[in-house]
Amino acid sequence: MPIDPYILLLLGTVGLAALFPARGSAAEVASGASTAAVALLFFLYGARLSTREALDGLRHWRLHVTVLACTFLLFPLLGLAARGLVPVILTNPLYQGLLFLTLVPSTVQSSIAFTSMARGNVPAAICAGSFSSLVGIVATPLLAASLLGGNGGGFSADSLLKIVLQLLVPFLAGQLLRRWIGGFVTGHKRVLGLVDRGSILLVVYTAFSAGVVQGIWRQVSPARLGGLVAVEAVILAVMLLLTWYGGKALRFGRADRIAIQFAGSKKSLAAGLPMASVLFGAQAALAVLPLMLFHQMQLIVCAVIAKRRAREAAAEVTGPQSVATTRTVVGTGTRSG
């Protein structure tokens, strides 16, 4: 079972915020640095994402529409259905975080990795993940503003201005400058990846520091946390089944169904955390907790599924060859006799 080392770093950051939360002037400095980090993250997303590749992939439009429908329609519907679990299983703040989780775009890297491992359509997974990220820059904040209402910051002029200035403007700037800095970004993926992850750790520290100061841990009991994990497991299972058998019902080939399953059932931690810090502000700590848990869960479950799909693909390839070899040997033996 894969344990993402980055999840351990995130948990360590949460622990650091619990023991040494930023207060007073330190909290103001951390908040300002976090705001700058979010802008930097989305600038790098824009500089890294090849819009041409994403648009070229639209030739396989049925697959991409299917993934987008899973990401921004089926997932949110499941999130809205979970409203009936409040307050018996989930508290309202945990439910808001769960609903936000269902609005986040799909992943890129892990969708590609698992699709490749399962011998699926890797180019389709690349385009599907990239296009989902592109659409999510606009769709996630708008869906959050409309579905979360006042608890998610609402669709006020102030929240709209924050979304535009902290998310959309840096992203568009990165896209515009990609022509000149794209080579540098591509050639320094490792270093910029560390910048990405460091920025997200800063966002998490700032969010959980504010949460600790406000008494966040008094709002989450072990029973509530267990209930959240159980609900997320059900949502993930439903999406994995819908993406796999839905792809079959829509008559996609096996390789395409694999890409749909992995791109359509996942949520991006890298995109979701900074978005939550902008949309939820001081309440971001509880909003990102469901996303952090779901991220690790999807990695474990999808790794198991990818290995199973790979074995099935290998069996389909070697099976006919083995039969043909057996027939040849038998035929040769008969002629020799």
C-alpha atoms as a PDB file:
ATOM      1  CA  MET A   1       0.000   0.000   0.000  1.00  0.00           C
ATOM      2  CA  PRO A   2       1.614   3.298  -1.085  1.00  0.00           C
ATOM      3  CA  ILE A   3       1.889   5.947   1.602  1.00  0.00           C
ATOM      4  CA  ASP A   4       2.578   9.270  -0.075  1.00  0.00           C
ATOM      5  CA  PRO A   5       5.603  10.809   1.726  1.00  0.00           C
ATOM      6  CA  TYR A   6       4.107  14.212   1.061  1.00  0.00           C
ATOM      7  CA  ILE A   7       1.090  13.277   3.187  1.00  0.00           C
ATOM      8  CA  LEU A   8       3.522  12.660   6.063  1.00  0.00           C
ATOM      9  CA  LEU A   9       4.971  16.134   5.505  1.00  0.00           C
ATOM     10  CA  LEU A  10       1.470  17.600   5.472  1.00  0.00           C
ATOM     11  CA  LEU A  11       0.608  15.811   8.713  1.00  0.00           C
ATOM     12  CA  GLY A  12       3.882  17.033  10.218  1.00  0.00           C
ATOM     13  CA  THR A  13       2.941  20.572   9.197  1.00  0.00           C
ATOM     14  CA  VAL A  14      -0.461  20.165  10.849  1.00  0.00           C
ATOM     15  CA  GLY A  15       1.309  18.944  13.995  1.00  0.00           C
ATOM     16  CA  LEU A  16       3.663  21.931  13.898  1.00  0.00           C
ATOM     17  CA  ALA A  17       0.693  24.287  13.600  1.00  0.00           C
ATOM     18  CA  ALA A  18      -0.986  22.531  16.543  1.00  0.00           C
ATOM     19  CA  LEU A  19       2.094  22.935  18.772  1.00  0.00           C
ATOM     20  CA  PHE A  20       3.337  26.302  17.529  1.00  0.00           C
ATOM     21  CA  PRO A  21       0.506  28.192  15.815  1.00  0.00           C
ATOM     22  CA  ALA A  22       1.243  31.589  14.321  1.00  0.00           C
ATOM     23  CA  ARG A  23      -0.341  34.335  16.426  1.00  0.00           C
ATOM     24  CA  GLY A  24      -0.527  38.101  16.280  1.00  0.00           C
ATOM     25  CA  SER A  25       2.024  39.728  13.977  1.00  0.00           C
ATOM     26  CA  ALA A  26       3.461  36.288  13.099  1.00  0.00           C
ATOM     27  CA  ALA A  27       0.013  35.248  11.869  1.00  0.00           C
ATOM     28  CA  GLU A  28      -0.172  38.369   9.685  1.00  0.00           C
ATOM     29  CA  VAL A  29       3.232  37.606   8.169  1.00  0.00           C
ATOM     30  CA  ALA A  30       2.257  33.963   7.570  1.00  0.00           C
ATOM     31  CA  SER A  31      -1.027  35.037   5.981  1.00  0.00           C
ATOM     32  CA  GLY A  32       0.744  37.441   3.619  1.00  0.00           C
ATOM     33  CA  ALA A  33       3.326  34.812   2.692  1.00  0.00           C
ATOM     34  CA  SER A  34       0.542  32.282   2.114  1.00  0.00           C
ATOM     35  CA  THR A  35      -1.278  34.686  -0.213  1.00  0.00           C
ATOM     36  CA  ALA A  36       1.935  35.205  -2.209  1.00  0.00           C
ATOM     37  CA  ALA A  37       2.533  31.430  -2.268  1.00  0.00           C
ATOM     38  CA  VAL A  38      -0.934  30.785  -3.726  1.00  0.00           C
ATOM     39  CA  ALA A  39      -0.331  33.359  -6.464  1.00  0.00           C
ATOM     40  CA  LEU A  40       3.048  31.765  -7.230  1.00  0.00           C
ATOM     41  CA  LEU A  41       1.477  28.301  -7.378  1.00  0.00           C
ATOM     42  CA  PHE A  42      -1.109  29.311  -9.949  1.00  0.00           C
ATOM     43  CA  PHE A  43       1.453  31.262 -11.951  1.00  0.00           C
ATOM     44  CA  LEU A  44       3.543  28.077 -12.176  1.00  0.00           C
ATOM     45  CA  TYR A  45       0.439  26.038 -13.054  1.00  0.00           C
ATOM     46  CA  GLY A  46      -0.221  28.416 -15.929  1.00  0.00           C
ATOM     47  CA  ALA A  47       3.400  28.356 -17.106  1.00  0.00           C
ATOM     48  CA  ARG A  48       3.510  24.561 -16.903  1.00  0.00           C
ATOM     49  CA  LEU A  49       0.203  23.704 -18.582  1.00  0.00           C
ATOM     50  CA  SER A  50       0.318  23.406 -22.342  1.00  0.00           C
ATOM     51  CA  THR A  51      -2.997  24.812 -23.540  1.00  0.00           C
ATOM     52  CA  ARG A  52      -2.258  23.623 -27.086  1.00  0.00           C
ATOM     53  CA  GLU A  53      -1.862  20.020 -25.925  1.00  0.00           C
ATOM     54  CA  ALA A  54      -5.072  20.226 -23.917  1.00  0.00           C
ATOM     55  CA  LEU A  55      -6.981  21.684 -26.874  1.00  0.00           C
ATOM     56  CA  ASP A  56      -5.448  19.170 -29.293  1.00  0.00           C
ATOM     57  CA  GLY A  57      -6.806  16.433 -27.076  1.00  0.00           C
ATOM     58  CA  LEU A  58     -10.330  17.675 -27.697  1.00  0.00           C
ATOM     59  CA  ARG A  59     -10.351  15.522 -30.802  1.00  0.00           C
ATOM     60  CA  HIS A  60     -11.177  12.764 -28.321  1.00  0.00           C
ATOM     61  CA  TRP A  61     -13.999  14.956 -27.049  1.00  0.00           C
ATOM     62  CA  ARG A  62     -16.327  12.182 -25.838  1.00  0.00           C
ATOM     63  CA  LEU A  63     -13.722  10.952 -23.362  1.00  0.00           C
ATOM     64  CA  HIS A  64     -12.986  14.456 -22.056  1.00  0.00           C
ATOM     65  CA  VAL A  65     -16.654  15.349 -21.693  1.00  0.00           C
ATOM     66  CA  THR A  66     -17.122  12.111 -19.746  1.00  0.00           C
ATOM     67  CA  VAL A  67     -14.233  12.942 -17.373  1.00  0.00           C
ATOM     68  CA  LEU A  68     -15.479  16.521 -16.878  1.00  0.00           C
ATOM     69  CA  ALA A  69     -18.990  15.241 -16.166  1.00  0.00           C
ATOM     70  CA  CYS A  70     -17.590  12.871 -13.534  1.00  0.00           C
ATOM     71  CA  THR A  71     -15.426  15.596 -11.972  1.00  0.00           C
ATOM     72  CA  PHE A  72     -17.804  18.559 -11.951  1.00  0.00           C
ATOM     73  CA  LEU A  73     -21.251  16.908 -12.062  1.00  0.00           C
ATOM     74  CA  LEU A  74     -21.357  13.405 -10.553  1.00  0.00           C
ATOM     75  CA  PHE A  75     -18.904  14.188  -7.750  1.00  0.00           C
ATOM     76  CA  PRO A  76     -20.801  17.333  -6.642  1.00  0.00           C
ATOM     77  CA  LEU A  77     -24.103  15.428  -6.761  1.00  0.00           C
ATOM     78  CA  LEU A  78     -22.647  12.866  -4.335  1.00  0.00           C
ATOM     79  CA  GLY A  79     -21.396  15.723  -2.176  1.00  0.00           C
ATOM     80  CA  LEU A  80     -24.859  17.285  -2.080  1.00  0.00           C
ATOM     81  CA  ALA A  81     -26.404  13.893  -1.238  1.00  0.00           C
ATOM     82  CA  ALA A  82     -24.095  13.667   1.795  1.00  0.00           C
ATOM     83  CA  ARG A  83     -25.932  16.667   3.275  1.00  0.00           C
ATOM     84  CA  GLY A  84     -28.376  14.170   4.747  1.00  0.00           C
ATOM     85  CA  LEU A  85     -25.598  12.849   7.020  1.00  0.00           C
ATOM     86  CA  VAL A  86     -25.496  16.126   8.979  1.00  0.00           C
ATOM     87  CA  PRO A  87     -25.529  16.197  11.995  1.00  0.00           C
ATOM     88  CA  VAL A  88     -25.722  12.452  12.701  1.00  0.00           C
ATOM     89  CA  ILE A  89     -22.409  11.433  11.083  1.00  0.00           C
ATOM     90  CA  LEU A  90     -20.812  14.694   9.930  1.00  0.00           C
ATOM     91  CA  THR A  91     -20.680  18.120  11.517  1.00  0.00           C
ATOM     92  CA  ASN A  92     -21.599  21.032   9.278  1.00  0.00           C
ATOM     93  CA  PRO A  93     -17.967  22.290   8.951  1.00  0.00           C
ATOM     94  CA  LEU A  94     -16.773  18.787   7.977  1.00  0.00           C
ATOM     95  CA  TYR A  95     -19.603  18.534   5.467  1.00  0.00           C
ATOM     96  CA  GLN A  96     -18.600  21.875   3.930  1.00  0.00           C
ATOM     97  CA  GLY A  97     -15.071  20.517   3.508  1.00  0.00           C
ATOM     98  CA  LEU A  98     -16.427  17.284   2.009  1.00  0.00           C
ATOM     99  CA  LEU A  99     -18.594  19.217  -0.443  1.00  0.00           C
ATOM    100  CA  PHE A 100     -15.621  21.378  -1.420  1.00  0.00           C
ATOM    101  CA  LEU A 101     -13.606  18.192  -2.037  1.00  0.00           C
ATOM    102  CA  THR A 102     -16.160  17.091  -4.641  1.00  0.00           C
ATOM    103  CA  LEU A 103     -15.735  20.384  -6.532  1.00  0.00           C
ATOM    104  CA  VAL A 104     -11.952  20.215  -6.973  1.00  0.00           C
ATOM    105  CA  PRO A 105     -10.491  19.366 -10.420  1.00  0.00           C
ATOM    106  CA  SER A 106      -8.900  16.034 -11.235  1.00  0.00           C
ATOM    107  CA  THR A 107      -5.226  15.249 -10.790  1.00  0.00           C
ATOM    108  CA  VAL A 108      -2.720  15.188 -13.625  1.00  0.00           C
ATOM    109  CA  GLN A 109       0.400  13.353 -12.447  1.00  0.00           C
ATOM    110  CA  SER A 110      -1.183  10.463 -10.546  1.00  0.00           C
ATOM    111  CA  SER A 111      -3.874   9.937 -13.210  1.00  0.00           C
ATOM    112  CA  ILE A 112      -1.141   9.579 -15.823  1.00  0.00           C
ATOM    113  CA  ALA A 113       0.957   7.319 -13.599  1.00  0.00           C
ATOM    114  CA  PHE A 114      -1.892   4.925 -12.769  1.00  0.00           C
ATOM    115  CA  THR A 115      -3.191   4.898 -16.359  1.00  0.00           C
ATOM    116  CA  SER A 116       0.298   3.983 -17.562  1.00  0.00           C
ATOM    117  CA  MET A 117       0.655   1.285 -14.894  1.00  0.00           C
ATOM    118  CA  ALA A 118      -2.705  -0.213 -15.910  1.00  0.00           C
ATOM    119  CA  ARG A 119      -1.770  -0.101 -19.640  1.00  0.00           C
ATOM    120  CA  GLY A 120      -4.459   2.405 -20.499  1.00  0.00           C
ATOM    121  CA  ASN A 121      -4.627   5.346 -22.907  1.00  0.00           C
ATOM    122  CA  VAL A 122      -1.885   7.571 -21.481  1.00  0.00           C
ATOM    123  CA  PRO A 123      -2.213  10.450 -24.017  1.00  0.00           C
ATOM    124  CA  ALA A 124      -5.927  10.634 -23.197  1.00  0.00           C
ATOM    125  CA  ALA A 125      -5.145  10.721 -19.460  1.00  0.00           C
ATOM    126  CA  ILE A 126      -2.656  13.550 -20.017  1.00  0.00           C
ATOM    127  CA  CYS A 127      -5.186  15.619 -21.947  1.00  0.00           C
ATOM    128  CA  ALA A 128      -8.064  14.784 -19.588  1.00  0.00           C
ATOM    129  CA  GLY A 129      -6.097  15.794 -16.483  1.00  0.00           C
ATOM    130  CA  SER A 130      -4.766  18.964 -18.113  1.00  0.00           C
ATOM    131  CA  PHE A 131      -8.178  19.987 -19.422  1.00  0.00           C
ATOM    132  CA  SER A 132      -9.781  19.306 -16.034  1.00  0.00           C
ATOM    133  CA  SER A 133      -7.199  21.559 -14.358  1.00  0.00           C
ATOM    134  CA  LEU A 134      -7.834  24.259 -16.954  1.00  0.00           C
ATOM    135  CA  VAL A 135     -11.607  24.135 -16.463  1.00  0.00           C
ATOM    136  CA  GLY A 136     -11.228  23.867 -12.674  1.00  0.00           C
ATOM    137  CA  ILE A 137      -9.518  27.257 -12.418  1.00  0.00           C
ATOM    138  CA  VAL A 138     -12.915  28.793 -13.170  1.00  0.00           C
ATOM    139  CA  ALA A 139     -15.410  26.007 -12.413  1.00  0.00           C
ATOM    140  CA  THR A 140     -14.293  25.131  -8.865  1.00  0.00           C
ATOM    141  CA  PRO A 141     -14.551  28.668  -7.401  1.00  0.00           C
ATOM    142  CA  LEU A 142     -17.877  29.268  -9.147  1.00  0.00           C
ATOM    143  CA  LEU A 143     -19.332  25.951  -7.964  1.00  0.00           C
ATOM    144  CA  ALA A 144     -18.037  26.573  -4.444  1.00  0.00           C
ATOM    145  CA  ALA A 145     -19.532  30.053  -4.396  1.00  0.00           C
ATOM    146  CA  SER A 146     -22.941  28.788  -5.522  1.00  0.00           C
ATOM    147  CA  LEU A 147     -23.152  25.535  -3.521  1.00  0.00           C
ATOM    148  CA  LEU A 148     -21.363  26.471  -0.313  1.00  0.00           C
ATOM    149  CA  GLY A 149     -23.053  29.840   0.084  1.00  0.00           C
ATOM    150  CA  GLY A 150     -22.032  31.940   3.058  1.00  0.00           C
ATOM    151  CA  ASN A 151     -20.007  29.091   4.589  1.00  0.00           C
ATOM    152  CA  GLY A 152     -17.669  29.082   1.644  1.00  0.00           C
ATOM    153  CA  GLY A 153     -17.231  32.800   1.503  1.00  0.00           C
ATOM    154  CA  GLY A 154     -20.286  33.362  -0.666  1.00  0.00           C
ATOM    155  CA  PHE A 155     -20.339  34.936  -4.099  1.00  0.00           C
ATOM    156  CA  SER A 156     -19.660  38.430  -2.836  1.00  0.00           C
ATOM    157  CA  ALA A 157     -17.711  41.091  -4.707  1.00  0.00           C
ATOM    158  CA  ASP A 158     -14.853  40.606  -2.235  1.00  0.00           C
ATOM    159  CA  SER A 159     -14.628  36.827  -2.773  1.00  0.00           C
ATOM    160  CA  LEU A 160     -14.867  37.289  -6.544  1.00  0.00           C
ATOM    161  CA  LEU A 161     -12.016  39.814  -6.433  1.00  0.00           C
ATOM    162  CA  LYS A 162      -9.882  37.390  -4.371  1.00  0.00           C
ATOM    163  CA  ILE A 163     -10.510  34.571  -6.841  1.00  0.00           C
ATOM    164  CA  VAL A 164      -9.581  36.760  -9.796  1.00  0.00           C
ATOM    165  CA  LEU A 165      -6.476  38.312  -8.218  1.00  0.00           C
ATOM    166  CA  GLN A 166      -5.061  35.250  -6.425  1.00  0.00           C
ATOM    167  CA  LEU A 167      -6.008  32.470  -8.833  1.00  0.00           C
ATOM    168  CA  LEU A 168      -7.029  33.598 -12.297  1.00  0.00           C
ATOM    169  CA  VAL A 169      -4.655  36.522 -12.903  1.00  0.00           C
ATOM    170  CA  PRO A 170      -1.472  34.586 -11.928  1.00  0.00           C
ATOM    171  CA  PHE A 171      -2.632  31.583 -13.974  1.00  0.00           C
ATOM    172  CA  LEU A 172      -3.265  33.705 -17.069  1.00  0.00           C
ATOM    173  CA  ALA A 173       0.067  35.478 -16.557  1.00  0.00           C
ATOM    174  CA  GLY A 174       1.807  32.105 -16.524  1.00  0.00           C
ATOM    175  CA  GLN A 175       0.001  31.097 -19.711  1.00  0.00           C
ATOM    176  CA  LEU A 176       0.951  34.346 -21.453  1.00  0.00           C
ATOM    177  CA  LEU A 177       4.608  34.065 -20.415  1.00  0.00           C
ATOM    178  CA  ARG A 178       4.837  30.342 -21.180  1.00  0.00           C
ATOM    179  CA  ARG A 179       6.266  31.122 -24.604  1.00  0.00           C
ATOM    180  CA  TRP A 180       9.350  32.651 -22.987  1.00  0.00           C
ATOM    181  CA  ILE A 181       9.656  30.759 -19.712  1.00  0.00           C
ATOM    182  CA  GLY A 182       8.217  27.384 -20.745  1.00  0.00           C
ATOM    183  CA  GLY A 183      11.666  25.964 -21.485  1.00  0.00           C
ATOM    184  CA  PHE A 184      12.992  27.067 -18.101  1.00  0.00           C
ATOM    185  CA  VAL A 185       9.967  25.608 -16.308  1.00  0.00           C
ATOM    186  CA  THR A 186      10.305  22.309 -18.164  1.00  0.00           C
ATOM    187  CA  GLY A 187      14.053  22.129 -17.528  1.00  0.00           C
ATOM    188  CA  HIS A 188      13.726  22.780 -13.792  1.00  0.00           C
ATOM    189  CA  LYS A 189      10.736  20.584 -12.950  1.00  0.00           C
ATOM    190  CA  ARG A 190      12.402  19.106  -9.891  1.00  0.00           C
ATOM    191  CA  VAL A 191      13.302  22.435  -8.279  1.00  0.00           C
ATOM    192  CA  LEU A 192       9.957  24.038  -9.132  1.00  0.00           C
ATOM    193  CA  GLY A 193       8.214  20.920  -7.804  1.00  0.00           C
ATOM    194  CA  LEU A 194       9.875  21.593  -4.456  1.00  0.00           C
ATOM    195  CA  VAL A 195       8.675  25.198  -4.666  1.00  0.00           C
ATOM    196  CA  ASP A 196       5.131  23.919  -5.329  1.00  0.00           C
ATOM    197  CA  ARG A 197       5.163  21.581  -2.372  1.00  0.00           C
ATOM    198  CA  GLY A 198       6.828  24.078  -0.064  1.00  0.00           C
ATOM    199  CA  SER A 199       4.188  26.664  -0.958  1.00  0.00           C
ATOM    200  CA  ILE A 200       1.395  24.214  -0.192  1.00  0.00           C
ATOM    201  CA  LEU A 201       2.987  23.359   3.165  1.00  0.00           C
ATOM    202  CA  LEU A 202       3.004  27.079   3.981  1.00  0.00           C
ATOM    203  CA  VAL A 203      -0.673  27.326   3.021  1.00  0.00           C
ATOM    204  CA  VAL A 204      -1.498  24.337   5.254  1.00  0.00           C
ATOM    205  CA  TYR A 205       0.503  25.745   8.180  1.00  0.00           C
ATOM    206  CA  THR A 206      -1.254  29.125   7.906  1.00  0.00           C
ATOM    207  CA  ALA A 207      -4.716  27.545   7.639  1.00  0.00           C
ATOM    208  CA  PHE A 208      -4.244  25.167  10.561  1.00  0.00           C
ATOM    209  CA  SER A 209      -2.591  27.840  12.710  1.00  0.00           C
ATOM    210  CA  ALA A 210      -5.719  29.946  12.330  1.00  0.00           C
ATOM    211  CA  GLY A 211      -7.814  26.860  13.060  1.00  0.00           C
ATOM    212  CA  VAL A 212      -5.875  26.028  16.238  1.00  0.00           C
ATOM    213  CA  VAL A 213      -6.254  29.580  17.498  1.00  0.00           C
ATOM    214  CA  GLN A 214     -10.010  29.264  16.909  1.00  0.00           C
ATOM    215  CA  GLY A 215     -10.185  25.846  18.628  1.00  0.00           C
ATOM    216  CA  ILE A 216     -10.547  23.609  15.566  1.00  0.00           C
ATOM    217  CA  TRP A 217      -9.655  20.363  17.339  1.00  0.00           C
ATOM    218  CA  ARG A 218     -12.559  20.761  19.742  1.00  0.00           C
ATOM    219  CA  GLN A 219     -14.838  20.482  16.699  1.00  0.00           C
ATOM    220  CA  VAL A 220     -13.480  17.139  15.412  1.00  0.00           C
ATOM    221  CA  SER A 221     -13.892  14.059  17.613  1.00  0.00           C
ATOM    222  CA  PRO A 222     -12.406  10.641  16.682  1.00  0.00           C
ATOM    223  CA  ALA A 223     -15.934   9.381  15.942  1.00  0.00           C
ATOM    224  CA  ARG A 224     -16.600  12.260  13.549  1.00  0.00           C
ATOM    225  CA  LEU A 225     -13.248  11.697  11.866  1.00  0.00           C
ATOM    226  CA  GLY A 226     -14.043   8.000  11.432  1.00  0.00           C
ATOM    227  CA  GLY A 227     -17.422   8.908   9.979  1.00  0.00           C
ATOM    228  CA  LEU A 228     -15.743  11.256   7.494  1.00  0.00           C
ATOM    229  CA  VAL A 229     -13.332   8.534   6.354  1.00  0.00           C
ATOM    230  CA  ALA A 230     -16.224   6.086   5.884  1.00  0.00           C
ATOM    231  CA  VAL A 231     -18.243   8.583   3.829  1.00  0.00           C
ATOM    232  CA  GLU A 232     -15.222   9.359   1.634  1.00  0.00           C
ATOM    233  CA  ALA A 233     -14.604   5.640   1.091  1.00  0.00           C
ATOM    234  CA  VAL A 234     -18.192   5.245  -0.142  1.00  0.00           C
ATOM    235  CA  ILE A 235     -17.885   8.245  -2.479  1.00  0.00           C
ATOM    236  CA  LEU A 236     -14.612   6.919  -3.926  1.00  0.00           C
ATOM    237  CA  ALA A 237     -16.079   3.440  -4.422  1.00  0.00           C
ATOM    238  CA  VAL A 238     -19.157   4.829  -6.171  1.00  0.00           C
ATOM    239  CA  MET A 239     -17.040   6.976  -8.507  1.00  0.00           C
ATOM    240  CA  LEU A 240     -14.702   4.088  -9.359  1.00  0.00           C
ATOM    241  CA  LEU A 241     -17.677   1.914 -10.257  1.00  0.00           C
ATOM    242  CA  LEU A 242     -19.449   4.653 -12.223  1.00  0.00           C
ATOM    243  CA  THR A 243     -16.357   5.574 -14.240  1.00  0.00           C
ATOM    244  CA  TRP A 244     -15.549   1.947 -15.100  1.00  0.00           C
ATOM    245  CA  TYR A 245     -18.997   0.591 -15.926  1.00  0.00           C
ATOM    246  CA  GLY A 246     -20.224   3.927 -17.265  1.00  0.00           C
ATOM    247  CA  GLY A 247     -17.323   3.883 -19.731  1.00  0.00           C
ATOM    248  CA  LYS A 248     -18.412   0.410 -20.788  1.00  0.00           C
ATOM    249  CA  ALA A 249     -22.024   1.537 -21.241  1.00  0.00           C
ATOM    250  CA  LEU A 250     -20.784   4.438 -23.401  1.00  0.00           C
ATOM    251  CA  ARG A 251     -18.857   1.879 -25.509  1.00  0.00           C
ATOM    252  CA  PHE A 252     -15.357   3.100 -24.823  1.00  0.00           C
ATOM    253  CA  GLY A 253     -12.490   0.677 -25.403  1.00  0.00           C
ATOM    254  CA  ARG A 254     -10.605  -0.841 -22.480  1.00  0.00           C
ATOM    255  CA  ALA A 255      -7.673   1.603 -22.720  1.00  0.00           C
ATOM    256  CA  ASP A 256     -10.034   4.591 -22.734  1.00  0.00           C
ATOM    257  CA  ARG A 257     -12.058   3.192 -19.821  1.00  0.00           C
ATOM    258  CA  ILE A 258      -8.868   2.952 -17.769  1.00  0.00           C
ATOM    259  CA  ALA A 259      -8.075   6.625 -18.481  1.00  0.00           C
ATOM    260  CA  ILE A 260     -11.658   7.606 -17.601  1.00  0.00           C
ATOM    261  CA  GLN A 261     -11.590   5.645 -14.359  1.00  0.00           C
ATOM    262  CA  PHE A 262      -8.363   7.152 -13.059  1.00  0.00           C
ATOM    263  CA  ALA A 263      -8.911  10.708 -14.314  1.00  0.00           C
ATOM    264  CA  GLY A 264     -12.601  10.786 -13.401  1.00  0.00           C
ATOM    265  CA  SER A 265     -12.391   9.376  -9.868  1.00  0.00           C
ATOM    266  CA  LYS A 266      -9.564  11.513  -8.474  1.00  0.00           C
ATOM    267  CA  LYS A 267      -9.232  14.951  -6.893  1.00  0.00           C
ATOM    268  CA  SER A 268      -6.193  17.219  -6.942  1.00  0.00           C
ATOM    269  CA  LEU A 269      -4.627  18.047  -3.591  1.00  0.00           C
ATOM    270  CA  ALA A 270      -2.211  20.506  -5.233  1.00  0.00           C
ATOM    271  CA  ALA A 271      -5.042  22.552  -6.766  1.00  0.00           C
ATOM    272  CA  GLY A 272      -7.542  22.133  -3.941  1.00  0.00           C
ATOM    273  CA  LEU A 273      -5.457  23.309  -0.976  1.00  0.00           C
ATOM    274  CA  PRO A 274      -4.604  26.788  -2.297  1.00  0.00           C
ATOM    275  CA  MET A 275      -8.140  27.244  -3.614  1.00  0.00           C
ATOM    276  CA  ALA A 276      -9.518  26.437  -0.154  1.00  0.00           C
ATOM    277  CA  SER A 277      -7.243  29.029   1.462  1.00  0.00           C
ATOM    278  CA  VAL A 278      -8.700  31.694  -0.827  1.00  0.00           C
ATOM    279  CA  LEU A 279     -12.341  30.617  -0.598  1.00  0.00           C
ATOM    280  CA  PHE A 280     -12.561  29.716   3.101  1.00  0.00           C
ATOM    281  CA  GLY A 281     -10.074  32.110   4.699  1.00  0.00           C
ATOM    282  CA  ALA A 282      -9.855  31.521   8.457  1.00  0.00           C
ATOM    283  CA  GLN A 283     -12.097  28.417   8.185  1.00  0.00           C
ATOM    284  CA  ALA A 284      -9.778  26.702   5.678  1.00  0.00           C
ATOM    285  CA  ALA A 285      -8.388  24.178   8.189  1.00  0.00           C
ATOM    286  CA  LEU A 286     -11.544  22.051   8.372  1.00  0.00           C
ATOM    287  CA  ALA A 287     -12.183  22.605   4.662  1.00  0.00           C
ATOM    288  CA  VAL A 288      -8.886  20.977   3.601  1.00  0.00           C
ATOM    289  CA  LEU A 289      -8.989  18.067   6.067  1.00  0.00           C
ATOM    290  CA  PRO A 290     -11.396  15.942   3.933  1.00  0.00           C
ATOM    291  CA  LEU A 291      -9.277  16.601   0.834  1.00  0.00           C
ATOM    292  CA  MET A 292      -6.065  15.491   2.563  1.00  0.00           C
ATOM    293  CA  LEU A 293      -7.710  12.250   3.716  1.00  0.00           C
ATOM    294  CA  PHE A 294      -9.263  11.573   0.310  1.00  0.00           C
ATOM    295  CA  HIS A 295      -5.926  12.146  -1.430  1.00  0.00           C
ATOM    296  CA  GLN A 296      -4.224   9.350   0.492  1.00  0.00           C
ATOM    297  CA  MET A 297      -7.225   7.050   0.134  1.00  0.00           C
ATOM    298  CA  GLN A 298      -7.366   7.454  -3.656  1.00  0.00           C
ATOM    299  CA  LEU A 299      -3.642   6.699  -3.976  1.00  0.00           C
ATOM    300  CA  ILE A 300      -3.937   3.441  -2.032  1.00  0.00           C
ATOM    301  CA  VAL A 301      -7.082   2.198  -3.765  1.00  0.00           C
ATOM    302  CA  CYS A 302      -6.066   3.236  -7.294  1.00  0.00           C
ATOM    303  CA  ALA A 303      -2.624   1.613  -6.916  1.00  0.00           C
ATOM    304  CA  VAL A 304      -4.330  -1.703  -6.169  1.00  0.00           C
ATOM    305  CA  ILE A 305      -6.752  -1.296  -9.091  1.00  0.00           C
ATOM    306  CA  ALA A 306      -3.972  -0.284 -11.504  1.00  0.00           C
ATOM    307  CA  LYS A 307      -1.973  -3.421 -10.678  1.00  0.00           C
ATOM    308  CA  ARG A 308      -5.064  -5.553 -11.197  1.00  0.00           C
ATOM    309  CA  ARG A 309      -5.798  -3.925 -14.574  1.00  0.00           C
ATOM    310  CA  ALA A 310      -2.164  -4.516 -15.605  1.00  0.00           C
ATOM    311  CA  ARG A 311      -2.417  -8.210 -14.736  1.00  0.00           C
ATOM    312  CA  GLU A 312      -5.668  -8.488 -16.696  1.00  0.00           C
ATOM    313  CA  ALA A 313      -4.065  -6.801 -19.719  1.00  0.00           C
ATOM    314  CA  ALA A 314      -1.051  -9.099 -19.506  1.00  0.00           C
ATOM    315  CA  ALA A 315      -3.325 -12.137 -19.338  1.00  0.00           C
ATOM    316  CA  GLU A 316      -5.221 -10.978 -22.435  1.00  0.00           C
ATOM    317  CA  VAL A 317      -1.943 -10.586 -24.341  1.00  0.00           C
ATOM    318  CA  THR A 318      -0.270 -13.815 -23.244  1.00  0.00           C
ATOM    319  CA  GLY A 319      -3.409 -15.920 -23.279  1.00  0.00           C
ATOM    320  CA  PRO A 320      -3.902 -16.205 -27.062  1.00  0.00           C
ATOM    321  CA  GLN A 321      -0.153 -16.567 -27.615  1.00  0.00           C
ATOM    322  CA  SER A 322      -0.015 -19.439 -25.146  1.00  0.00           C
ATOM    323  CA  VAL A 323      -2.932 -21.130 -26.887  1.00  0.00           C
ATOM    324  CA  ALA A 324      -1.307 -20.685 -30.298  1.00  0.00           C
ATOM    325  CA  THR A 325       2.009 -22.057 -29.021  1.00  0.00           C
ATOM    326  CA  THR A 326       0.271 -25.062 -27.511  1.00  0.00           C
ATOM    327  CA  ARG A 327      -1.516 -25.798 -30.799  1.00  0.00           C
ATOM    328  CA  THR A 328       1.741 -25.551 -32.735  1.00  0.00           C
ATOM    329  CA  VAL A 329       3.502 -27.935 -30.379  1.00  0.00           C
ATOM    330  CA  VAL A 330       0.607 -30.391 -30.479  1.00  0.00           C
ATOM    331  CA  GLY A 331       0.411 -30.201 -34.253  1.00  0.00           C
ATOM    332  CA  THR A 332       4.153 -30.764 -34.614  1.00  0.00           C
ATOM    333  CA  GLY A 333       4.024 -33.694 -32.253  1.00  0.00           C
ATOM    334  CA  THR A 334       1.210 -35.269 -34.210  1.00  0.00           C
ATOM    335  CA  ARG A 335       3.020 -34.924 -37.509  1.00  0.00           C
ATOM    336  CA  SER A 336       6.199 -36.389 -36.009  1.00  0.00           C
ATOM    337  CA  GLY A 337       4.280 -39.331 -34.701  1.00  0.00           C
END
